[in-house]
C-alpha atoms as a PDB file:
ATOM      1  CA  MET A   1       5.333 -36.670  19.973  1.00  0.00           C
ATOM      2  CA  SER A   2       8.320 -38.988  19.682  1.00  0.00           C
ATOM      3  CA  ARG A   3       8.179 -42.622  20.674  1.00  0.00           C
ATOM      4  CA  PRO A   4      10.559 -43.767  23.403  1.00  0.00           C
ATOM      5  CA  LEU A   5      13.553 -45.916  22.505  1.00  0.00           C
ATOM      6  CA  ARG A   6      13.057 -49.394  23.907  1.00  0.00           C
ATOM      7  CA  ALA A   7      15.719 -51.983  24.514  1.00  0.00           C
ATOM      8  CA  ARG A   8      15.474 -55.293  26.301  1.00  0.00           C
ATOM      9  CA  ARG A   9      18.540 -56.444  28.264  1.00  0.00           C
ATOM     10  CA  ASP A  10      18.622 -59.604  30.381  1.00  0.00           C
ATOM     11  CA  GLY A  11      14.835 -59.762  30.334  1.00  0.00           C
ATOM     12  CA  HIS A  12      14.446 -56.202  31.636  1.00  0.00           C
ATOM     13  CA  PRO A  13      13.015 -53.430  29.459  1.00  0.00           C
ATOM     14  CA  HIS A  14      14.890 -50.124  29.237  1.00  0.00           C
ATOM     15  CA  ARG A  15      13.103 -47.089  27.831  1.00  0.00           C
ATOM     16  CA  ARG A  16      14.515 -43.681  26.939  1.00  0.00           C
ATOM     17  CA  ARG A  17      12.937 -40.637  25.293  1.00  0.00           C
ATOM     18  CA  GLY A  18      15.111 -37.929  23.775  1.00  0.00           C
ATOM     19  CA  SER A  19      18.528 -38.034  22.155  1.00  0.00           C
ATOM     20  CA  ALA A  20      20.559 -37.513  25.352  1.00  0.00           C
ATOM     21  CA  SER A  21      18.708 -40.336  27.066  1.00  0.00           C
ATOM     22  CA  CYS A  22      19.283 -42.587  24.070  1.00  0.00           C
ATOM     23  CA  ILE A  23      23.005 -41.884  24.273  1.00  0.00           C
ATOM     24  CA  ASP A  24      22.876 -42.686  28.003  1.00  0.00           C
ATOM     25  CA  LEU A  25      21.184 -45.994  27.231  1.00  0.00           C
ATOM     26  CA  GLY A  26      23.734 -46.816  24.541  1.00  0.00           C
ATOM     27  CA  LEU A  27      26.610 -46.077  26.920  1.00  0.00           C
ATOM     28  CA  TYR A  28      24.927 -48.185  29.602  1.00  0.00           C
ATOM     29  CA  ILE A  29      24.674 -51.147  27.209  1.00  0.00           C
ATOM     30  CA  ILE A  30      28.302 -50.708  26.076  1.00  0.00           C
ATOM     31  CA  ARG A  31      29.395 -50.535  29.732  1.00  0.00           C
ATOM     32  CA  GLN A  32      27.491 -53.737  30.520  1.00  0.00           C
ATOM     33  CA  ASP A  33      28.869 -55.632  27.519  1.00  0.00           C
ATOM     34  CA  TYR A  34      32.408 -54.265  27.209  1.00  0.00           C
ATOM     35  CA  GLY A  35      33.239 -52.557  30.515  1.00  0.00           C
ATOM     36  CA  ALA A  36      33.801 -49.023  31.780  1.00  0.00           C
ATOM     37  CA  ASP A  37      37.021 -48.416  29.809  1.00  0.00           C
ATOM     38  CA  ILE A  38      35.370 -48.935  26.409  1.00  0.00           C
ATOM     39  CA  ALA A  39      32.199 -47.051  27.396  1.00  0.00           C
ATOM     40  CA  ASN A  40      34.278 -44.102  28.561  1.00  0.00           C
ATOM     41  CA  LEU A  41      36.286 -44.070  25.326  1.00  0.00           C
ATOM     42  CA  VAL A  42      33.035 -44.029  23.341  1.00  0.00           C
ATOM     43  CA  ALA A  43      31.684 -41.231  25.554  1.00  0.00           C
ATOM     44  CA  ARG A  44      34.818 -39.173  25.003  1.00  0.00           C
ATOM     45  CA  GLU A  45      34.607 -39.738  21.225  1.00  0.00           C
ATOM     46  CA  LEU A  46      30.989 -38.547  21.317  1.00  0.00           C
ATOM     47  CA  VAL A  47      32.058 -35.620  23.532  1.00  0.00           C
ATOM     48  CA  VAL A  48      29.523 -36.566  26.173  1.00  0.00           C
ATOM     49  CA  PRO A  49      30.108 -37.381  29.818  1.00  0.00           C
ATOM     50  CA  PRO A  50      30.233 -41.101  30.649  1.00  0.00           C
ATOM     51  CA  HIS A  51      27.423 -40.485  33.150  1.00  0.00           C
ATOM     52  CA  ARG A  52      25.140 -37.594  34.038  1.00  0.00           C
ATOM     53  CA  ASP A  53      24.716 -37.921  37.793  1.00  0.00           C
ATOM     54  CA  GLY A  54      24.305 -34.408  39.180  1.00  0.00           C
ATOM     55  CA  GLY A  55      25.507 -32.537  36.120  1.00  0.00           C
ATOM     56  CA  GLN A  56      26.489 -32.674  32.509  1.00  0.00           C
ATOM     57  CA  ALA A  57      30.044 -31.347  32.660  1.00  0.00           C
ATOM     58  CA  GLN A  58      32.069 -32.666  29.747  1.00  0.00           C
ATOM     59  CA  TYR A  59      35.719 -33.537  29.920  1.00  0.00           C
ATOM     60  CA  ILE A  60      38.483 -34.622  27.610  1.00  0.00           C
ATOM     61  CA  THR A  61      41.302 -36.811  28.838  1.00  0.00           C
ATOM     62  CA  THR A  62      44.018 -34.135  28.700  1.00  0.00           C
ATOM     63  CA  PRO A  63      43.663 -30.538  27.518  1.00  0.00           C
ATOM     64  CA  VAL A  64      45.767 -30.100  24.406  1.00  0.00           C
ATOM     65  CA  ALA A  65      48.712 -27.769  24.856  1.00  0.00           C
ATOM     66  CA  VAL A  66      49.857 -25.864  21.804  1.00  0.00           C
ATOM     67  CA  CYS A  67      53.652 -26.119  22.058  1.00  0.00           C
ATOM     68  CA  PRO A  68      56.434 -28.007  20.258  1.00  0.00           C
ATOM     69  CA  ASP A  69      57.529 -31.368  21.669  1.00  0.00           C
ATOM     70  CA  GLU A  70      60.979 -30.147  22.713  1.00  0.00           C
ATOM     71  CA  ASP A  71      59.566 -27.053  24.393  1.00  0.00           C
ATOM     72  CA  PRO A  72      60.312 -26.951  28.159  1.00  0.00           C
ATOM     73  CA  LEU A  73      56.596 -26.347  28.801  1.00  0.00           C
ATOM     74  CA  SER A  74      55.605 -29.482  26.903  1.00  0.00           C
ATOM     75  CA  GLU A  75      58.178 -31.523  28.792  1.00  0.00           C
ATOM     76  CA  THR A  76      56.928 -30.096  32.100  1.00  0.00           C
ATOM     77  CA  LEU A  77      53.313 -30.990  31.283  1.00  0.00           C
ATOM     78  CA  ALA A  78      54.313 -34.567  30.470  1.00  0.00           C
ATOM     79  CA  TRP A  79      56.393 -34.753  33.660  1.00  0.00           C
ATOM     80  CA  ALA A  80      53.526 -33.350  35.770  1.00  0.00           C
ATOM     81  CA  LEU A  81      51.125 -35.992  34.426  1.00  0.00           C
ATOM     82  CA  GLU A  82      53.542 -38.683  35.625  1.00  0.00           C
ATOM     83  CA  HIS A  83      53.931 -37.061  39.071  1.00  0.00           C
ATOM     84  CA  LEU A  84      50.380 -36.078  40.054  1.00  0.00           C
ATOM     85  CA  ASP A  85      50.934 -37.652  43.484  1.00  0.00           C
ATOM     86  CA  GLN A  86      53.615 -35.055  44.287  1.00  0.00           C
ATOM     87  CA  PRO A  87      53.256 -31.351  45.150  1.00  0.00           C
ATOM     88  CA  LEU A  88      52.871 -29.496  41.839  1.00  0.00           C
ATOM     89  CA  THR A  89      52.992 -25.850  42.813  1.00  0.00           C
ATOM     90  CA  LEU A  90      53.581 -22.997  40.409  1.00  0.00           C
ATOM     91  CA  ASP A  91      57.155 -22.686  41.694  1.00  0.00           C
ATOM     92  CA  VAL A  92      57.844 -26.405  41.171  1.00  0.00           C
ATOM     93  CA  LEU A  93      56.449 -26.363  37.622  1.00  0.00           C
ATOM     94  CA  ALA A  94      58.234 -23.121  36.711  1.00  0.00           C
ATOM     95  CA  ALA A  95      61.563 -24.423  38.024  1.00  0.00           C
ATOM     96  CA  ARG A  96      61.069 -27.650  36.074  1.00  0.00           C
ATOM     97  CA  SER A  97      60.611 -25.535  32.914  1.00  0.00           C
ATOM     98  CA  MET A  98      63.600 -23.356  33.814  1.00  0.00           C
ATOM     99  CA  MET A  99      61.428 -20.228  33.806  1.00  0.00           C
ATOM    100  CA  SER A 100      60.400 -17.622  36.328  1.00  0.00           C
ATOM    101  CA  SER A 101      56.946 -18.173  37.847  1.00  0.00           C
ATOM    102  CA  ARG A 102      55.582 -15.148  36.015  1.00  0.00           C
ATOM    103  CA  THR A 103      56.931 -16.231  32.598  1.00  0.00           C
ATOM    104  CA  PHE A 104      55.762 -19.798  33.182  1.00  0.00           C
ATOM    105  CA  SER A 105      52.239 -18.635  34.102  1.00  0.00           C
ATOM    106  CA  ARG A 106      52.015 -16.468  30.995  1.00  0.00           C
ATOM    107  CA  ARG A 107      53.312 -19.195  28.637  1.00  0.00           C
ATOM    108  CA  PHE A 108      51.200 -21.848  30.343  1.00  0.00           C
ATOM    109  CA  ALA A 109      47.988 -19.823  29.910  1.00  0.00           C
ATOM    110  CA  ALA A 110      48.834 -19.133  26.258  1.00  0.00           C
ATOM    111  CA  ALA A 111      49.422 -22.843  25.570  1.00  0.00           C
ATOM    112  CA  THR A 112      46.585 -24.419  27.595  1.00  0.00           C
ATOM    113  CA  GLY A 113      44.003 -21.690  28.032  1.00  0.00           C
ATOM    114  CA  THR A 114      43.960 -22.102  31.807  1.00  0.00           C
ATOM    115  CA  THR A 115      46.068 -21.528  34.904  1.00  0.00           C
ATOM    116  CA  PRO A 116      48.627 -24.069  36.158  1.00  0.00           C
ATOM    117  CA  HIS A 117      46.587 -24.659  39.326  1.00  0.00           C
ATOM    118  CA  LYS A 118      43.322 -25.320  37.451  1.00  0.00           C
ATOM    119  CA  TRP A 119      45.136 -27.596  35.007  1.00  0.00           C
ATOM    120  CA  VAL A 120      46.727 -29.644  37.814  1.00  0.00           C
ATOM    121  CA  VAL A 121      43.380 -29.988  39.642  1.00  0.00           C
ATOM    122  CA  HIS A 122      41.687 -31.065  36.399  1.00  0.00           C
ATOM    123  CA  GLN A 123      44.406 -33.642  35.722  1.00  0.00           C
ATOM    124  CA  ARG A 124      44.115 -34.996  39.267  1.00  0.00           C
ATOM    125  CA  VAL A 125      40.328 -35.261  38.996  1.00  0.00           C
ATOM    126  CA  SER A 126      40.689 -36.997  35.604  1.00  0.00           C
ATOM    127  CA  ALA A 127      43.173 -39.460  37.108  1.00  0.00           C
ATOM    128  CA  ALA A 128      40.769 -40.088  40.004  1.00  0.00           C
ATOM    129  CA  GLN A 129      37.958 -40.691  37.501  1.00  0.00           C
ATOM    130  CA  ARG A 130      40.048 -43.289  35.671  1.00  0.00           C
ATOM    131  CA  LEU A 131      40.861 -45.086  38.949  1.00  0.00           C
ATOM    132  CA  LEU A 132      37.204 -44.997  40.014  1.00  0.00           C
ATOM    133  CA  GLU A 133      36.215 -46.424  36.623  1.00  0.00           C
ATOM    134  CA  THR A 134      38.778 -49.210  36.502  1.00  0.00           C
ATOM    135  CA  THR A 135      39.707 -50.210  40.076  1.00  0.00           C
ATOM    136  CA  THR A 136      38.159 -51.000  43.424  1.00  0.00           C
ATOM    137  CA  LEU A 137      40.715 -48.908  45.327  1.00  0.00           C
ATOM    138  CA  SER A 138      39.357 -47.010  48.314  1.00  0.00           C
ATOM    139  CA  ILE A 139      38.745 -43.275  48.053  1.00  0.00           C
ATOM    140  CA  GLU A 140      41.635 -42.733  50.496  1.00  0.00           C
ATOM    141  CA  VAL A 141      44.105 -44.610  48.274  1.00  0.00           C
ATOM    142  CA  ILE A 142      42.865 -42.843  45.146  1.00  0.00           C
ATOM    143  CA  ALA A 143      43.243 -39.467  46.896  1.00  0.00           C
ATOM    144  CA  GLU A 144      46.842 -40.325  47.776  1.00  0.00           C
ATOM    145  CA  ARG A 145      47.738 -41.618  44.306  1.00  0.00           C
ATOM    146  CA  CYS A 146      46.249 -38.562  42.607  1.00  0.00           C
ATOM    147  CA  GLY A 147      47.907 -36.002  44.874  1.00  0.00           C
ATOM    148  CA  PHE A 148      44.896 -34.696  46.773  1.00  0.00           C
ATOM    149  CA  GLY A 149      46.459 -35.319  50.172  1.00  0.00           C
ATOM    150  CA  SER A 150      43.230 -36.522  51.773  1.00  0.00           C
ATOM    151  CA  ALA A 151      39.955 -38.180  50.882  1.00  0.00           C
ATOM    152  CA  ALA A 152      38.121 -35.031  52.024  1.00  0.00           C
ATOM    153  CA  SER A 153      40.104 -32.911  49.550  1.00  0.00           C
ATOM    154  CA  LEU A 154      39.412 -35.390  46.737  1.00  0.00           C
ATOM    155  CA  ARG A 155      35.691 -35.380  47.547  1.00  0.00           C
ATOM    156  CA  ALA A 156      35.543 -31.573  47.569  1.00  0.00           C
ATOM    157  CA  GLN A 157      37.442 -31.138  44.283  1.00  0.00           C
ATOM    158  CA  PHE A 158      35.563 -33.998  42.640  1.00  0.00           C
ATOM    159  CA  GLN A 159      32.192 -32.555  43.676  1.00  0.00           C
ATOM    160  CA  GLN A 160      33.185 -29.101  42.416  1.00  0.00           C
ATOM    161  CA  THR A 161      34.517 -30.392  39.074  1.00  0.00           C
ATOM    162  CA  VAL A 162      32.268 -33.348  38.231  1.00  0.00           C
ATOM    163  CA  ARG A 163      29.234 -32.310  40.300  1.00  0.00           C
ATOM    164  CA  SER A 164      29.024 -35.785  41.755  1.00  0.00           C
ATOM    165  CA  SER A 165      30.607 -37.565  44.676  1.00  0.00           C
ATOM    166  CA  PRO A 166      33.351 -40.102  43.898  1.00  0.00           C
ATOM    167  CA  GLN A 167      31.112 -42.892  45.224  1.00  0.00           C
ATOM    168  CA  ALA A 168      28.157 -41.881  43.037  1.00  0.00           C
ATOM    169  CA  TYR A 169      30.458 -41.547  40.033  1.00  0.00           C
ATOM    170  CA  ARG A 170      31.887 -45.037  40.628  1.00  0.00           C
ATOM    171  CA  ARG A 171      28.387 -46.529  40.918  1.00  0.00           C
ATOM    172  CA  ALA A 172      27.313 -44.812  37.698  1.00  0.00           C
ATOM    173  CA  VAL A 173      30.259 -45.874  35.526  1.00  0.00           C
ATOM    174  CA  ARG A 174      30.979 -49.385  36.780  1.00  0.00           C
ATOM    175  CA  PRO A 175      28.704 -52.227  35.756  1.00  0.00           C
ATOM    176  CA  PRO A 176      27.269 -54.278  38.606  1.00  0.00           C
ATOM    177  CA  ARG A 177      29.124 -57.515  39.326  1.00  0.00           C
ATOM    178  CA  LEU A 178      27.236 -60.694  38.608  1.00  0.00           C
ATOM    179  CA  THR A 179      27.413 -63.791  40.778  1.00  0.00           C
ATOM    180  CA  ARG A 180      27.895 -67.234  39.232  1.00  0.00           C
ATOM    181  CA  GLY A 181      24.127 -67.700  39.343  1.00  0.00           C
ATOM    182  CA  GLY A 182      23.623 -64.557  37.255  1.00  0.00           C
ATOM    183  CA  SER A 183      22.196 -62.319  39.978  1.00  0.00           C
ATOM    184  CA  ILE A 184      23.684 -58.936  40.840  1.00  0.00           C
ATOM    185  CA  ALA A 185      26.231 -59.143  43.645  1.00  0.00           C
ATOM    186  CA  ARG A 186      25.745 -56.698  46.490  1.00  0.00           C
ATOM    187  CA  PRO A 187      28.832 -54.596  47.302  1.00  0.00           C
ATOM    188  CA  VAL A 188      30.718 -55.644  50.388  1.00  0.00           C
ATOM    189  CA  HIS A 189      31.751 -52.643  52.484  1.00  0.00           C
ATOM    190  CA  THR A 190      34.887 -53.018  54.522  1.00  0.00           C
ATOM    191  CA  LYS A 191      36.415 -50.627  56.993  1.00  0.00           C
ATOM    192  CA  GLY A 192      38.311 -47.879  55.199  1.00  0.00           C
ATOM    193  CA  CYS A 193      36.573 -48.364  51.858  1.00  0.00           C
ATOM    194  CA  THR A 194      33.948 -45.956  50.632  1.00  0.00           C
END
């Protein structure tokens, strides 16, 4: 029988048993000391999710496309990442690449291993994750900035992809704020923020 990993932080003991739990504890400590950005980079380097609330789906920042830099497909992917807030339909992406929809779909699948629609949704969810990790923007604003159209659509896609709600994800990856006295600040909920 293995002994649990024990760590003491701010006078509170933290115990974990098993390698996955030890990684979770390490990421928690990194998040507390260095913030969500650094903890998420470490998680991505370890190829583990930054949190495991509701599932253990693993993600990389951007799926790697196998195509030369000057290739119209490569340029379209880069353009799409900069315009996630706009409609990115198959026809829009194909026209941007100066290809027919059918040719674009075939070349896209060969380069990325997925469909244009799934890739766009994944990129939008990844962008939403980054905003949840690094900002206090409302779910409505994040949905708009990431191209979901509505908070309900963001919640549905996020739940399907990450297996967690945006709110639960934000709570899991953001360290609690401390007051000047050192106690944990309670979140203030305002109208329109979730």
